[in-house]
Amino acid sequence: MPETVPVTSTVRPELPALPVQAERLIELGVHQLAGLTEAELRSFAEAAEAAGTAGTAGTGESSGGDGSTLLAVHPGRAPASALAPLLRRDGKPGFVVTDMPDADLFAPIDGTGLPDAPLYLLTGLDRGDRMANWSPNEALPALEAQARTPLLLTEGIHWVLQQPAVLERNHCFMTIGSRLRAASSGRWSSCACPAGP
């Protein structure tokens, strides 16, 4: 296993409350991409906030208004290629690089526990700063040993949509919970990194 890197980032993002996250997704039109109504999205977020417990993804820690829970739309409803243009950095929209036209073919790896529901929650999000410079093949067993699940490509996008400060220069995060499911390909999804100086 590679050497653990000391955490040098000063960013400690706190996520907005789940109803606020729902409003952000509605503002961006994600509910329409997913074939959901505004009411369905709001109702899910309000019920989850009131319950104060997570759904079937993540670590199972408490959710609600504690700033540690992310509201996500199932990737089958809102694929990465549709979500990426909603990202903004310095006023510029996100995009899928031209040499990755297969971004939507990246599927959850076994063991991610992706719920069969249009909306779900993730808890205990961590960029994995201590695993800087690790390969996906090195990071995955370490995450599994900690009983954690890796992020999917779409979950990473949802995280940045809700908490842009999580995307910090020189502090990338990998979305290794997604892997290309094409014949003879074992490509992992790329990490989310801000570009430019």
N, C-alpha and C. Protein backbone atom coordinates (compact mmCIF):
# COMPACT_ATOMS: atom_id res chain seq x y z
N MET A 1 0.85 -1.18 0.00
CA MET A 1 0.00 0.00 0.00
C MET A 1 0.90 1.24 0.00
N PRO A 2 0.54 2.26 -0.77
CA PRO A 2 1.36 3.47 -0.84
C PRO A 2 1.37 4.22 0.50
N GLU A 3 2.30 5.13 0.60
CA GLU A 3 2.41 5.95 1.79
C GLU A 3 1.24 6.92 1.87
N THR A 4 0.71 7.09 3.08
CA THR A 4 -0.37 8.04 3.29
C THR A 4 0.21 9.44 3.31
N VAL A 5 -0.47 10.34 2.61
CA VAL A 5 -0.02 11.72 2.50
C VAL A 5 -0.70 12.56 3.58
N PRO A 6 0.05 13.44 4.27
CA PRO A 6 -0.60 14.32 5.25
C PRO A 6 -1.61 15.24 4.56
N VAL A 7 -2.69 15.52 5.23
CA VAL A 7 -3.73 16.39 4.69
C VAL A 7 -3.27 17.84 4.85
N THR A 8 -3.19 18.55 3.73
CA THR A 8 -2.74 19.94 3.76
C THR A 8 -3.84 20.93 3.38
N SER A 9 -4.98 20.44 2.95
CA SER A 9 -6.07 21.31 2.54
C SER A 9 -6.70 21.99 3.75
N THR A 10 -7.13 23.22 3.55
CA THR A 10 -7.83 23.93 4.61
C THR A 10 -9.34 23.91 4.39
N VAL A 11 -9.78 23.36 3.27
CA VAL A 11 -11.21 23.33 2.95
C VAL A 11 -11.86 22.19 3.72
N ARG A 12 -12.85 22.50 4.49
CA ARG A 12 -13.63 21.50 5.21
C ARG A 12 -15.09 21.75 4.88
N PRO A 13 -15.51 21.31 3.70
CA PRO A 13 -16.85 21.65 3.23
C PRO A 13 -17.96 21.09 4.12
N GLU A 14 -18.97 21.88 4.27
CA GLU A 14 -20.18 21.44 4.92
C GLU A 14 -21.30 21.57 3.90
N LEU A 15 -22.04 20.53 3.73
CA LEU A 15 -23.12 20.53 2.75
C LEU A 15 -24.33 21.29 3.28
N PRO A 16 -25.09 21.91 2.37
CA PRO A 16 -26.35 22.55 2.79
C PRO A 16 -27.35 21.50 3.26
N ALA A 17 -28.37 21.95 3.95
CA ALA A 17 -29.46 21.07 4.38
C ALA A 17 -30.09 20.42 3.14
N LEU A 18 -30.68 19.26 3.32
CA LEU A 18 -31.24 18.51 2.19
C LEU A 18 -32.30 19.29 1.41
N PRO A 19 -33.23 20.02 2.06
CA PRO A 19 -34.17 20.82 1.27
C PRO A 19 -33.48 21.91 0.44
N VAL A 20 -32.39 22.46 0.94
CA VAL A 20 -31.64 23.47 0.19
C VAL A 20 -30.97 22.80 -1.01
N GLN A 21 -30.44 21.59 -0.81
CA GLN A 21 -29.85 20.85 -1.93
C GLN A 21 -30.91 20.56 -2.99
N ALA A 22 -32.11 20.20 -2.56
CA ALA A 22 -33.20 19.93 -3.51
C ALA A 22 -33.50 21.17 -4.33
N GLU A 23 -33.55 22.34 -3.68
CA GLU A 23 -33.81 23.58 -4.40
C GLU A 23 -32.70 23.88 -5.41
N ARG A 24 -31.47 23.59 -5.04
CA ARG A 24 -30.35 23.81 -5.97
C ARG A 24 -30.51 22.92 -7.20
N LEU A 25 -30.86 21.65 -7.01
CA LEU A 25 -31.06 20.75 -8.15
C LEU A 25 -32.23 21.22 -9.02
N ILE A 26 -33.27 21.71 -8.39
CA ILE A 26 -34.42 22.24 -9.14
C ILE A 26 -34.00 23.48 -9.94
N GLU A 27 -33.25 24.36 -9.31
CA GLU A 27 -32.76 25.57 -9.98
C GLU A 27 -31.93 25.21 -11.22
N LEU A 28 -31.17 24.13 -11.13
CA LEU A 28 -30.33 23.70 -12.25
C LEU A 28 -31.09 22.86 -13.29
N GLY A 29 -32.32 22.47 -12.98
CA GLY A 29 -33.11 21.66 -13.89
C GLY A 29 -32.81 20.17 -13.83
N VAL A 30 -32.14 19.73 -12.77
CA VAL A 30 -31.78 18.31 -12.66
C VAL A 30 -33.03 17.44 -12.53
N HIS A 31 -34.04 17.95 -11.86
CA HIS A 31 -35.28 17.17 -11.72
C HIS A 31 -35.88 16.85 -13.10
N GLN A 32 -35.78 17.80 -14.04
CA GLN A 32 -36.31 17.57 -15.39
C GLN A 32 -35.46 16.53 -16.12
N LEU A 33 -34.14 16.62 -15.99
CA LEU A 33 -33.26 15.61 -16.60
C LEU A 33 -33.63 14.22 -16.11
N ALA A 34 -33.99 14.14 -14.82
CA ALA A 34 -34.27 12.85 -14.18
C ALA A 34 -35.71 12.40 -14.34
N GLY A 35 -36.54 13.22 -14.98
CA GLY A 35 -37.94 12.85 -15.14
C GLY A 35 -38.72 12.90 -13.84
N LEU A 36 -38.32 13.81 -12.95
CA LEU A 36 -38.99 13.97 -11.66
C LEU A 36 -39.67 15.33 -11.61
N THR A 37 -40.67 15.44 -10.78
CA THR A 37 -41.30 16.73 -10.57
C THR A 37 -40.58 17.47 -9.43
N GLU A 38 -40.77 18.77 -9.39
CA GLU A 38 -40.23 19.55 -8.29
C GLU A 38 -40.76 19.02 -6.96
N ALA A 39 -42.04 18.67 -6.94
CA ALA A 39 -42.67 18.18 -5.71
C ALA A 39 -42.03 16.87 -5.24
N GLU A 40 -41.74 15.98 -6.17
CA GLU A 40 -41.11 14.70 -5.79
C GLU A 40 -39.74 14.93 -5.16
N LEU A 41 -38.97 15.81 -5.76
CA LEU A 41 -37.63 16.09 -5.24
C LEU A 41 -37.72 16.76 -3.87
N ARG A 42 -38.58 17.75 -3.75
CA ARG A 42 -38.74 18.43 -2.46
C ARG A 42 -39.25 17.47 -1.38
N SER A 43 -40.21 16.65 -1.73
CA SER A 43 -40.79 15.71 -0.77
C SER A 43 -39.75 14.73 -0.25
N PHE A 44 -38.92 14.20 -1.14
CA PHE A 44 -37.87 13.27 -0.73
C PHE A 44 -36.91 13.96 0.24
N ALA A 45 -36.46 15.16 -0.12
CA ALA A 45 -35.49 15.88 0.71
C ALA A 45 -36.09 16.24 2.07
N GLU A 46 -37.33 16.69 2.09
CA GLU A 46 -37.97 17.06 3.35
C GLU A 46 -38.17 15.85 4.25
N ALA A 47 -38.59 14.73 3.66
CA ALA A 47 -38.78 13.51 4.45
C ALA A 47 -37.45 13.00 5.02
N ALA A 48 -36.39 13.04 4.20
CA ALA A 48 -35.08 12.59 4.67
C ALA A 48 -34.55 13.51 5.76
N GLU A 49 -34.76 14.80 5.60
CA GLU A 49 -34.32 15.78 6.61
C GLU A 49 -35.06 15.52 7.92
N ALA A 50 -36.37 15.28 7.83
CA ALA A 50 -37.17 15.04 9.03
C ALA A 50 -36.78 13.73 9.71
N ALA A 51 -36.48 12.71 8.90
CA ALA A 51 -36.12 11.40 9.46
C ALA A 51 -34.77 11.45 10.15
N GLY A 52 -33.85 12.26 9.59
CA GLY A 52 -32.54 12.39 10.21
C GLY A 52 -31.65 11.17 10.06
N THR A 53 -32.00 10.26 9.15
CA THR A 53 -31.16 9.08 8.92
C THR A 53 -30.97 8.89 7.44
N ALA A 54 -29.87 8.27 7.06
CA ALA A 54 -29.51 8.09 5.66
C ALA A 54 -30.30 6.97 5.02
N GLY A 55 -30.28 6.98 3.68
CA GLY A 55 -30.89 5.91 2.89
C GLY A 55 -29.97 4.71 2.85
N THR A 56 -29.83 4.10 1.69
CA THR A 56 -29.09 2.86 1.61
C THR A 56 -27.67 3.00 1.11
N ALA A 57 -27.21 4.21 0.83
CA ALA A 57 -25.84 4.38 0.36
C ALA A 57 -25.01 5.10 1.41
N GLY A 58 -23.71 5.02 1.27
CA GLY A 58 -22.81 5.70 2.18
C GLY A 58 -22.46 4.86 3.38
N THR A 59 -22.21 5.51 4.51
CA THR A 59 -21.72 4.81 5.68
C THR A 59 -22.82 4.52 6.69
N GLY A 60 -24.03 5.05 6.47
CA GLY A 60 -25.12 4.80 7.40
C GLY A 60 -25.11 5.75 8.59
N GLU A 61 -24.28 6.79 8.55
CA GLU A 61 -24.28 7.76 9.62
C GLU A 61 -25.53 8.61 9.55
N SER A 62 -25.76 9.43 10.58
CA SER A 62 -26.95 10.25 10.59
C SER A 62 -26.90 11.29 9.48
N SER A 63 -28.07 11.69 9.04
CA SER A 63 -28.15 12.72 8.00
C SER A 63 -28.98 13.87 8.52
N GLY A 64 -29.62 14.54 7.61
CA GLY A 64 -30.44 15.67 8.00
C GLY A 64 -29.65 16.95 7.92
N GLY A 65 -29.79 17.81 8.90
CA GLY A 65 -29.19 19.12 8.87
C GLY A 65 -27.79 19.20 9.41
N ASP A 66 -27.07 18.09 9.48
CA ASP A 66 -25.74 18.12 10.08
C ASP A 66 -24.64 18.45 9.08
N GLY A 67 -24.97 18.71 7.82
CA GLY A 67 -23.98 19.11 6.84
C GLY A 67 -23.11 18.00 6.30
N SER A 68 -23.50 16.75 6.54
CA SER A 68 -22.67 15.63 6.08
C SER A 68 -23.38 14.72 5.09
N THR A 69 -24.56 15.09 4.64
CA THR A 69 -25.34 14.21 3.76
C THR A 69 -25.57 14.87 2.41
N LEU A 70 -25.34 14.09 1.35
CA LEU A 70 -25.51 14.56 -0.03
C LEU A 70 -26.73 13.91 -0.65
N LEU A 71 -27.55 14.70 -1.29
CA LEU A 71 -28.69 14.24 -2.06
C LEU A 71 -28.22 13.97 -3.49
N ALA A 72 -28.45 12.77 -3.99
CA ALA A 72 -28.01 12.41 -5.34
C ALA A 72 -29.16 11.82 -6.14
N VAL A 73 -29.08 12.02 -7.45
CA VAL A 73 -30.03 11.44 -8.39
C VAL A 73 -29.36 10.22 -9.01
N HIS A 74 -30.09 9.15 -9.14
CA HIS A 74 -29.56 7.91 -9.72
C HIS A 74 -28.94 8.20 -11.08
N PRO A 75 -27.74 7.65 -11.36
CA PRO A 75 -27.09 7.92 -12.64
C PRO A 75 -27.89 7.46 -13.86
N GLY A 76 -28.78 6.52 -13.68
CA GLY A 76 -29.64 6.10 -14.78
C GLY A 76 -30.67 7.15 -15.13
N ARG A 77 -30.92 8.05 -14.20
CA ARG A 77 -31.88 9.14 -14.42
C ARG A 77 -31.21 10.42 -14.89
N ALA A 78 -29.99 10.69 -14.39
CA ALA A 78 -29.26 11.91 -14.74
C ALA A 78 -27.80 11.53 -14.95
N PRO A 79 -27.42 11.19 -16.18
CA PRO A 79 -26.06 10.73 -16.46
C PRO A 79 -25.02 11.85 -16.37
N ALA A 80 -23.77 11.44 -16.28
CA ALA A 80 -22.66 12.40 -16.13
C ALA A 80 -22.63 13.43 -17.25
N SER A 81 -22.88 13.01 -18.47
CA SER A 81 -22.80 13.95 -19.60
C SER A 81 -23.85 15.05 -19.51
N ALA A 82 -24.97 14.76 -18.86
CA ALA A 82 -26.02 15.77 -18.67
C ALA A 82 -25.74 16.67 -17.47
N LEU A 83 -25.07 16.12 -16.45
CA LEU A 83 -24.77 16.89 -15.24
C LEU A 83 -23.54 17.78 -15.39
N ALA A 84 -22.53 17.32 -16.12
CA ALA A 84 -21.26 18.05 -16.22
C ALA A 84 -21.43 19.50 -16.68
N PRO A 85 -22.27 19.80 -17.68
CA PRO A 85 -22.40 21.21 -18.10
C PRO A 85 -23.02 22.12 -17.05
N LEU A 86 -23.60 21.54 -16.00
CA LEU A 86 -24.19 22.34 -14.93
C LEU A 86 -23.15 22.84 -13.94
N LEU A 87 -21.97 22.24 -13.96
CA LEU A 87 -20.87 22.67 -13.09
C LEU A 87 -20.37 24.03 -13.55
N ARG A 88 -19.86 24.83 -12.61
CA ARG A 88 -19.28 26.13 -12.94
C ARG A 88 -17.98 26.31 -12.18
N ARG A 89 -16.98 26.85 -12.88
CA ARG A 89 -15.71 27.23 -12.26
C ARG A 89 -15.28 28.53 -12.92
N ASP A 90 -15.14 29.56 -12.12
CA ASP A 90 -14.81 30.89 -12.63
C ASP A 90 -15.76 31.30 -13.75
N GLY A 91 -17.04 30.97 -13.59
CA GLY A 91 -18.06 31.35 -14.55
C GLY A 91 -18.13 30.50 -15.80
N LYS A 92 -17.25 29.51 -15.91
CA LYS A 92 -17.23 28.65 -17.10
C LYS A 92 -17.92 27.33 -16.80
N PRO A 93 -18.71 26.82 -17.77
CA PRO A 93 -19.41 25.55 -17.54
C PRO A 93 -18.48 24.35 -17.59
N GLY A 94 -18.88 23.31 -16.89
CA GLY A 94 -18.16 22.05 -16.95
C GLY A 94 -18.43 21.36 -18.27
N PHE A 95 -17.65 20.33 -18.55
CA PHE A 95 -17.83 19.58 -19.79
C PHE A 95 -17.19 18.21 -19.64
N VAL A 96 -17.55 17.34 -20.52
CA VAL A 96 -16.91 16.03 -20.62
C VAL A 96 -15.88 16.15 -21.74
N VAL A 97 -14.64 15.77 -21.45
CA VAL A 97 -13.58 15.92 -22.45
C VAL A 97 -13.91 15.11 -23.70
N THR A 98 -13.43 15.58 -24.84
CA THR A 98 -13.79 14.97 -26.12
C THR A 98 -13.27 13.54 -26.27
N ASP A 99 -12.19 13.20 -25.55
CA ASP A 99 -11.68 11.84 -25.67
C ASP A 99 -12.38 10.88 -24.70
N MET A 100 -13.50 11.33 -24.11
CA MET A 100 -14.26 10.48 -23.21
C MET A 100 -15.74 10.48 -23.59
N PRO A 101 -16.05 10.16 -24.86
CA PRO A 101 -17.45 10.17 -25.28
C PRO A 101 -18.28 9.07 -24.61
N ASP A 102 -17.59 8.15 -23.95
CA ASP A 102 -18.25 7.03 -23.30
C ASP A 102 -18.51 7.29 -21.82
N ALA A 103 -18.50 8.56 -21.37
CA ALA A 103 -18.67 8.89 -19.95
C ALA A 103 -19.92 8.25 -19.35
N ASP A 104 -20.98 8.18 -20.13
CA ASP A 104 -22.23 7.63 -19.59
C ASP A 104 -22.23 6.10 -19.53
N LEU A 105 -21.19 5.48 -20.08
CA LEU A 105 -21.07 4.02 -20.01
C LEU A 105 -20.37 3.56 -18.73
N PHE A 106 -19.83 4.52 -17.97
CA PHE A 106 -19.22 4.17 -16.68
C PHE A 106 -20.34 3.77 -15.74
N ALA A 107 -20.22 2.57 -15.19
CA ALA A 107 -21.27 2.01 -14.34
C ALA A 107 -20.71 1.72 -12.96
N PRO A 108 -21.58 1.62 -11.96
CA PRO A 108 -21.11 1.31 -10.61
C PRO A 108 -20.38 -0.03 -10.56
N ILE A 109 -19.28 -0.07 -9.83
CA ILE A 109 -18.57 -1.33 -9.63
C ILE A 109 -19.36 -2.15 -8.61
N ASP A 110 -19.09 -3.44 -8.57
CA ASP A 110 -19.75 -4.31 -7.59
C ASP A 110 -19.45 -3.81 -6.17
N GLY A 111 -20.45 -3.87 -5.33
CA GLY A 111 -20.26 -3.50 -3.94
C GLY A 111 -20.53 -2.05 -3.60
N THR A 112 -20.94 -1.25 -4.58
CA THR A 112 -21.20 0.16 -4.26
C THR A 112 -22.54 0.35 -3.54
N GLY A 113 -23.43 -0.61 -3.65
CA GLY A 113 -24.71 -0.50 -2.96
C GLY A 113 -25.61 0.57 -3.51
N LEU A 114 -25.53 0.82 -4.81
CA LEU A 114 -26.37 1.85 -5.41
C LEU A 114 -27.84 1.45 -5.29
N PRO A 115 -28.65 2.29 -4.64
CA PRO A 115 -30.06 1.96 -4.47
C PRO A 115 -30.81 1.96 -5.80
N ASP A 116 -31.82 1.14 -5.89
CA ASP A 116 -32.69 1.10 -7.06
C ASP A 116 -33.83 2.08 -6.81
N ALA A 117 -33.48 3.36 -6.80
CA ALA A 117 -34.44 4.44 -6.53
C ALA A 117 -33.96 5.68 -7.29
N PRO A 118 -34.87 6.55 -7.66
CA PRO A 118 -34.45 7.74 -8.41
C PRO A 118 -33.61 8.71 -7.59
N LEU A 119 -33.83 8.75 -6.29
CA LEU A 119 -33.10 9.65 -5.39
C LEU A 119 -32.54 8.85 -4.22
N TYR A 120 -31.38 9.24 -3.75
CA TYR A 120 -30.78 8.58 -2.59
C TYR A 120 -29.82 9.52 -1.88
N LEU A 121 -29.35 9.09 -0.73
CA LEU A 121 -28.47 9.91 0.10
C LEU A 121 -27.11 9.25 0.27
N LEU A 122 -26.09 10.08 0.40
CA LEU A 122 -24.74 9.61 0.72
C LEU A 122 -24.31 10.32 1.99
N THR A 123 -23.62 9.60 2.86
CA THR A 123 -23.13 10.20 4.10
C THR A 123 -21.64 9.97 4.24
N GLY A 124 -21.03 10.74 5.11
CA GLY A 124 -19.62 10.55 5.42
C GLY A 124 -18.70 10.82 4.25
N LEU A 125 -19.03 11.79 3.40
CA LEU A 125 -18.21 12.09 2.22
C LEU A 125 -16.79 12.50 2.64
N ASP A 126 -15.84 12.04 1.84
CA ASP A 126 -14.43 12.31 2.12
C ASP A 126 -13.69 12.34 0.79
N ARG A 127 -12.95 13.41 0.53
CA ARG A 127 -12.19 13.51 -0.73
C ARG A 127 -11.05 12.51 -0.79
N GLY A 128 -10.62 12.01 0.34
CA GLY A 128 -9.51 11.07 0.34
C GLY A 128 -8.17 11.75 0.19
N ASP A 129 -8.03 12.95 0.76
CA ASP A 129 -6.78 13.70 0.63
C ASP A 129 -5.57 12.89 1.08
N ARG A 130 -5.75 12.04 2.08
CA ARG A 130 -4.63 11.25 2.58
C ARG A 130 -4.16 10.22 1.56
N MET A 131 -4.97 9.98 0.52
CA MET A 131 -4.62 9.02 -0.53
C MET A 131 -4.14 9.72 -1.80
N ALA A 132 -3.68 10.94 -1.66
CA ALA A 132 -3.16 11.67 -2.83
C ALA A 132 -2.07 10.84 -3.49
N ASN A 133 -2.08 10.80 -4.80
CA ASN A 133 -1.10 10.07 -5.61
C ASN A 133 -1.28 8.55 -5.58
N TRP A 134 -2.35 8.05 -4.99
CA TRP A 134 -2.63 6.62 -5.03
C TRP A 134 -3.36 6.33 -6.34
N SER A 135 -3.20 5.14 -6.85
CA SER A 135 -3.97 4.72 -8.02
C SER A 135 -5.33 4.20 -7.53
N PRO A 136 -6.31 4.12 -8.43
CA PRO A 136 -7.59 3.52 -8.03
C PRO A 136 -7.43 2.11 -7.49
N ASN A 137 -6.53 1.33 -8.07
CA ASN A 137 -6.31 -0.04 -7.61
C ASN A 137 -5.69 -0.09 -6.22
N GLU A 138 -5.03 0.97 -5.81
CA GLU A 138 -4.47 1.04 -4.46
C GLU A 138 -5.51 1.59 -3.48
N ALA A 139 -6.31 2.56 -3.92
CA ALA A 139 -7.27 3.21 -3.04
C ALA A 139 -8.48 2.33 -2.73
N LEU A 140 -8.96 1.58 -3.71
CA LEU A 140 -10.18 0.80 -3.51
C LEU A 140 -10.07 -0.19 -2.35
N PRO A 141 -9.01 -1.01 -2.27
CA PRO A 141 -8.92 -1.92 -1.12
C PRO A 141 -8.85 -1.20 0.22
N ALA A 142 -8.20 -0.03 0.24
CA ALA A 142 -8.12 0.74 1.49
C ALA A 142 -9.51 1.23 1.91
N LEU A 143 -10.30 1.69 0.93
CA LEU A 143 -11.67 2.12 1.24
C LEU A 143 -12.51 0.95 1.74
N GLU A 144 -12.40 -0.17 1.06
CA GLU A 144 -13.16 -1.35 1.45
C GLU A 144 -12.78 -1.82 2.85
N ALA A 145 -11.50 -1.73 3.20
CA ALA A 145 -11.04 -2.13 4.53
C ALA A 145 -11.63 -1.24 5.62
N GLN A 146 -12.00 -0.02 5.25
CA GLN A 146 -12.62 0.92 6.19
C GLN A 146 -14.15 0.86 6.12
N ALA A 147 -14.67 -0.13 5.39
CA ALA A 147 -16.13 -0.29 5.20
C ALA A 147 -16.74 0.95 4.56
N ARG A 148 -16.00 1.56 3.63
CA ARG A 148 -16.48 2.73 2.89
C ARG A 148 -16.72 2.33 1.44
N THR A 149 -17.55 3.08 0.76
CA THR A 149 -17.78 2.85 -0.66
C THR A 149 -17.22 4.03 -1.45
N PRO A 150 -16.63 3.75 -2.61
CA PRO A 150 -16.09 4.84 -3.42
C PRO A 150 -17.21 5.60 -4.13
N LEU A 151 -16.92 6.85 -4.44
CA LEU A 151 -17.89 7.68 -5.15
C LEU A 151 -18.06 7.25 -6.60
N LEU A 152 -19.27 7.36 -7.09
CA LEU A 152 -19.55 7.22 -8.51
C LEU A 152 -19.23 8.54 -9.20
N LEU A 153 -19.05 8.49 -10.50
CA LEU A 153 -18.78 9.70 -11.27
C LEU A 153 -19.89 10.73 -11.06
N THR A 154 -21.13 10.30 -11.15
CA THR A 154 -22.25 11.24 -10.98
C THR A 154 -22.34 11.77 -9.55
N GLU A 155 -21.97 10.95 -8.56
CA GLU A 155 -22.00 11.41 -7.17
C GLU A 155 -20.96 12.52 -6.96
N GLY A 156 -19.80 12.36 -7.58
CA GLY A 156 -18.79 13.41 -7.50
C GLY A 156 -19.29 14.72 -8.09
N ILE A 157 -19.99 14.62 -9.21
CA ILE A 157 -20.56 15.82 -9.84
C ILE A 157 -21.61 16.44 -8.92
N HIS A 158 -22.48 15.61 -8.34
CA HIS A 158 -23.49 16.13 -7.41
C HIS A 158 -22.82 16.85 -6.24
N TRP A 159 -21.72 16.29 -5.74
CA TRP A 159 -21.02 16.91 -4.60
C TRP A 159 -20.53 18.30 -4.98
N VAL A 160 -19.92 18.43 -6.15
CA VAL A 160 -19.40 19.73 -6.58
C VAL A 160 -20.54 20.70 -6.90
N LEU A 161 -21.66 20.20 -7.41
CA LEU A 161 -22.82 21.07 -7.64
C LEU A 161 -23.31 21.69 -6.34
N GLN A 162 -23.30 20.90 -5.27
CA GLN A 162 -23.80 21.37 -3.98
C GLN A 162 -22.76 22.11 -3.15
N GLN A 163 -21.49 21.73 -3.31
CA GLN A 163 -20.42 22.31 -2.50
C GLN A 163 -19.20 22.56 -3.37
N PRO A 164 -19.22 23.61 -4.19
CA PRO A 164 -18.12 23.85 -5.13
C PRO A 164 -16.73 23.92 -4.48
N ALA A 165 -16.66 24.32 -3.22
CA ALA A 165 -15.36 24.45 -2.54
C ALA A 165 -14.65 23.11 -2.37
N VAL A 166 -15.37 22.00 -2.53
CA VAL A 166 -14.73 20.69 -2.40
C VAL A 166 -13.75 20.46 -3.55
N LEU A 167 -13.93 21.17 -4.65
CA LEU A 167 -13.04 21.07 -5.80
C LEU A 167 -11.95 22.12 -5.63
N GLU A 168 -10.84 21.70 -5.09
CA GLU A 168 -9.76 22.60 -4.72
C GLU A 168 -8.50 22.24 -5.48
N ARG A 169 -7.80 23.24 -5.95
CA ARG A 169 -6.56 23.00 -6.70
C ARG A 169 -5.60 22.15 -5.88
N ASN A 170 -5.02 21.15 -6.53
CA ASN A 170 -4.08 20.20 -5.93
C ASN A 170 -4.70 19.29 -4.88
N HIS A 171 -6.02 19.25 -4.83
CA HIS A 171 -6.72 18.35 -3.90
C HIS A 171 -7.87 17.70 -4.66
N CYS A 172 -7.52 16.87 -5.60
CA CYS A 172 -8.51 16.18 -6.44
C CYS A 172 -9.16 15.05 -5.67
N PHE A 173 -10.24 14.54 -6.20
CA PHE A 173 -10.81 13.32 -5.65
C PHE A 173 -11.18 12.40 -6.80
N MET A 174 -11.02 11.11 -6.57
CA MET A 174 -11.34 10.13 -7.60
C MET A 174 -12.76 9.62 -7.42
N THR A 175 -13.38 9.31 -8.53
CA THR A 175 -14.72 8.73 -8.52
C THR A 175 -14.59 7.29 -8.99
N ILE A 176 -13.88 6.50 -8.20
CA ILE A 176 -13.52 5.14 -8.62
C ILE A 176 -14.63 4.13 -8.39
N GLY A 177 -15.79 4.59 -7.95
CA GLY A 177 -16.94 3.70 -7.84
C GLY A 177 -17.57 3.43 -9.20
N SER A 178 -17.10 4.14 -10.22
CA SER A 178 -17.58 3.96 -11.59
C SER A 178 -16.46 3.38 -12.44
N ARG A 179 -16.83 2.43 -13.26
CA ARG A 179 -15.84 1.82 -14.15
C ARG A 179 -16.50 1.58 -15.50
N LEU A 180 -15.73 1.76 -16.55
CA LEU A 180 -16.26 1.57 -17.90
C LEU A 180 -16.62 0.11 -18.09
N ARG A 181 -17.84 -0.15 -18.48
CA ARG A 181 -18.34 -1.51 -18.68
C ARG A 181 -18.38 -1.84 -20.17
N ALA A 182 -17.27 -1.68 -20.84
CA ALA A 182 -17.19 -2.03 -22.26
C ALA A 182 -16.28 -3.24 -22.40
N ALA A 183 -16.45 -3.96 -23.47
CA ALA A 183 -15.65 -5.16 -23.69
C ALA A 183 -14.17 -4.82 -23.64
N SER A 184 -13.42 -5.59 -22.90
CA SER A 184 -11.96 -5.51 -22.76
C SER A 184 -11.45 -4.18 -22.20
N SER A 185 -12.30 -3.40 -21.56
CA SER A 185 -11.83 -2.15 -20.97
C SER A 185 -11.95 -2.19 -19.47
N GLY A 186 -10.94 -1.74 -18.79
CA GLY A 186 -10.98 -1.65 -17.34
C GLY A 186 -10.73 -0.23 -16.89
N ARG A 187 -11.05 0.74 -17.73
CA ARG A 187 -10.77 2.14 -17.43
C ARG A 187 -11.61 2.64 -16.27
N TRP A 188 -10.96 3.34 -15.34
CA TRP A 188 -11.65 3.98 -14.23
C TRP A 188 -12.08 5.37 -14.67
N SER A 189 -13.07 5.92 -14.00
CA SER A 189 -13.44 7.30 -14.29
C SER A 189 -12.36 8.22 -13.73
N SER A 190 -12.16 9.31 -14.40
CA SER A 190 -11.07 10.21 -14.02
C SER A 190 -11.42 11.01 -12.76
N CYS A 191 -10.38 11.59 -12.18
CA CYS A 191 -10.61 12.35 -10.96
C CYS A 191 -11.12 13.74 -11.29
N ALA A 192 -11.74 14.34 -10.32
CA ALA A 192 -12.25 15.70 -10.49
C ALA A 192 -11.18 16.65 -10.00
N CYS A 193 -10.68 17.46 -10.89
CA CYS A 193 -9.62 18.41 -10.55
C CYS A 193 -9.91 19.75 -11.20
N PRO A 194 -9.70 20.84 -10.49
CA PRO A 194 -9.84 22.12 -11.15
C PRO A 194 -8.70 22.34 -12.11
N ALA A 195 -8.99 22.99 -13.19
CA ALA A 195 -7.96 23.25 -14.21
C ALA A 195 -7.46 24.67 -14.11
N GLY A 196 -6.36 24.90 -14.74
CA GLY A 196 -5.81 26.25 -14.83
C GLY A 196 -4.98 26.64 -13.63
N PRO A 197 -4.30 27.78 -13.74
CA PRO A 197 -3.42 28.23 -12.66
C PRO A 197 -4.20 28.72 -11.46
